Amino acid sequence: MSRRCMVTGKGVLTGNKVSHANNKTRRRFLPSVQTMRLYSESLGRMISLKLSTHGMRSVEHKGGLDAYLIETPKTGLDISLRAVKAEVETKLGDKIVAKKKSAPKPMSARAAKKLAAAK
């Protein structure tokens, strides 16, 4: 069982444990990876994922599992999540295309000032 987050890719790090006498021994820093079941609204079923706590917050911030999978590029996902992303995209189909076309690009404050000055 690997200790790797499927969303963020966080894994085990190594380093030194340093005592008061400055003796150094190797140690492992383990991520807080937990098996979690998330509900996919488009598929209508639970999907089991191994997520770090940061990964859980990332999925929740995007608006759920389906929204996270749609917004994340295929190359940024774990191999096992790529199949789930394909399933979600085929289920939603036209809704994804319409959403991507209608979403305007965010405008910076500087660009907004230029636009207002031009009018």
Protein backbone atom coordinates (compact mmCIF):
# COMPACT_ATOMS: atom_id res chain seq x y z
CA MET A 1 0.00 0.00 0.00
CA SER A 2 1.70 3.18 -1.17
CA ARG A 3 1.42 6.33 0.87
CA ARG A 4 0.66 8.72 -1.98
CA CYS A 5 -2.22 11.15 -2.37
CA MET A 6 -4.18 10.63 -5.60
CA VAL A 7 -4.99 14.34 -5.89
CA THR A 8 -1.88 16.23 -4.80
CA GLY A 9 0.74 13.52 -5.35
CA LYS A 10 2.18 14.02 -1.87
CA GLY A 11 4.28 11.07 -0.76
CA VAL A 12 6.82 9.94 1.80
CA LEU A 13 9.82 12.23 2.40
CA THR A 14 13.06 11.31 4.13
CA GLY A 15 15.30 13.32 6.39
CA ASN A 16 17.29 13.23 9.57
CA LYS A 17 16.21 12.96 13.17
CA VAL A 18 18.61 15.22 15.04
CA SER A 19 19.14 14.63 18.75
CA HIS A 20 20.18 17.20 21.34
CA ALA A 21 23.76 15.90 20.96
CA ASN A 22 23.45 16.57 17.20
CA ASN A 23 23.46 12.87 16.29
CA LYS A 24 21.74 12.30 12.96
CA THR A 25 19.70 9.21 12.14
CA ARG A 26 17.54 8.71 9.07
CA ARG A 27 13.78 8.96 9.42
CA ARG A 28 10.66 9.10 7.23
CA PHE A 29 8.10 11.89 7.11
CA LEU A 30 4.75 10.26 6.34
CA PRO A 31 1.88 12.25 4.78
CA SER A 32 -1.56 12.14 6.33
CA VAL A 33 -3.06 9.87 3.65
CA GLN A 34 -6.47 8.38 4.35
CA THR A 35 -8.81 6.23 2.33
CA MET A 36 -11.94 8.23 1.68
CA ARG A 37 -15.09 7.52 -0.31
CA LEU A 38 -16.45 10.46 -2.28
CA TYR A 39 -19.81 10.58 -4.04
CA SER A 40 -19.87 11.28 -7.76
CA GLU A 41 -23.19 12.97 -8.60
CA SER A 42 -22.92 12.34 -12.32
CA LEU A 43 -22.08 8.63 -11.93
CA GLY A 44 -24.42 8.13 -8.97
CA ARG A 45 -21.95 6.06 -6.97
CA MET A 46 -19.21 6.28 -4.37
CA ILE A 47 -15.57 6.31 -5.48
CA SER A 48 -12.82 5.24 -3.10
CA LEU A 49 -9.75 7.50 -3.10
CA LYS A 50 -6.55 7.76 -1.09
CA LEU A 51 -6.31 11.44 -0.19
CA SER A 52 -4.11 13.59 1.99
CA THR A 53 -5.85 16.19 4.10
CA HIS A 54 -4.66 18.87 1.66
CA GLY A 55 -6.15 16.84 -1.20
CA MET A 56 -9.49 16.64 0.60
CA ARG A 57 -9.53 20.42 0.94
CA SER A 58 -8.64 20.84 -2.74
CA VAL A 59 -11.52 18.64 -3.89
CA GLU A 60 -13.94 20.43 -1.55
CA HIS A 61 -12.70 23.85 -2.73
CA LYS A 62 -13.43 22.98 -6.38
CA GLY A 63 -17.01 22.01 -5.51
CA GLY A 64 -16.89 18.24 -5.21
CA LEU A 65 -15.37 15.29 -7.00
CA ASP A 66 -17.05 15.83 -10.37
CA ALA A 67 -16.08 19.52 -10.54
CA TYR A 68 -12.51 18.70 -9.52
CA LEU A 69 -12.16 16.03 -12.20
CA ILE A 70 -13.60 18.27 -14.92
CA GLU A 71 -11.36 21.26 -14.09
CA THR A 72 -8.13 19.30 -13.64
CA PRO A 73 -6.19 18.42 -16.80
CA LYS A 74 -5.76 14.72 -17.53
CA THR A 75 -1.99 14.90 -17.05
CA GLY A 76 -2.42 16.31 -13.53
CA LEU A 77 -4.41 13.30 -12.32
CA ASP A 78 -3.40 9.95 -10.90
CA ILE A 79 -3.61 7.10 -13.44
CA SER A 80 -6.56 5.47 -11.68
CA LEU A 81 -8.49 8.78 -11.65
CA ARG A 82 -8.11 9.29 -15.40
CA ALA A 83 -10.64 6.53 -16.09
CA VAL A 84 -13.10 8.10 -13.64
CA LYS A 85 -12.60 11.49 -15.32
CA ALA A 86 -13.43 9.95 -18.71
CA GLU A 87 -16.62 8.40 -17.27
CA VAL A 88 -17.71 11.71 -15.75
CA GLU A 89 -17.04 13.61 -18.98
CA THR A 90 -19.05 11.14 -21.07
CA LYS A 91 -21.97 11.32 -18.60
CA LEU A 92 -22.02 15.12 -18.50
CA GLY A 93 -21.05 15.63 -22.16
CA ASP A 94 -22.80 18.78 -23.42
CA LYS A 95 -22.97 20.44 -20.00
CA ILE A 96 -19.17 20.62 -19.81
CA VAL A 97 -18.78 22.18 -23.27
CA ALA A 98 -21.46 24.80 -22.58
CA LYS A 99 -19.94 25.68 -19.22
CA LYS A 100 -16.43 26.09 -20.66
CA LYS A 101 -17.63 28.34 -23.49
CA SER A 102 -19.81 30.58 -21.32
CA ALA A 103 -17.32 31.15 -18.51
CA PRO A 104 -15.65 34.56 -18.97
CA LYS A 105 -11.98 35.04 -18.20
CA PRO A 106 -11.32 36.85 -14.92
CA MET A 107 -10.12 40.40 -15.45
CA SER A 108 -7.35 42.01 -13.44
CA ALA A 109 -7.85 45.40 -11.78
CA ARG A 110 -5.36 46.96 -14.17
CA ALA A 111 -7.23 45.67 -17.24
CA ALA A 112 -10.54 46.90 -15.78
CA LYS A 113 -9.09 50.41 -15.35
CA LYS A 114 -7.83 50.44 -18.94
CA LEU A 115 -11.22 49.32 -20.19
CA ALA A 116 -13.00 51.99 -18.15
CA ALA A 117 -10.56 54.67 -19.36
CA ALA A 118 -11.10 53.66 -22.98
CA LYS A 119 -14.88 54.14 -22.65
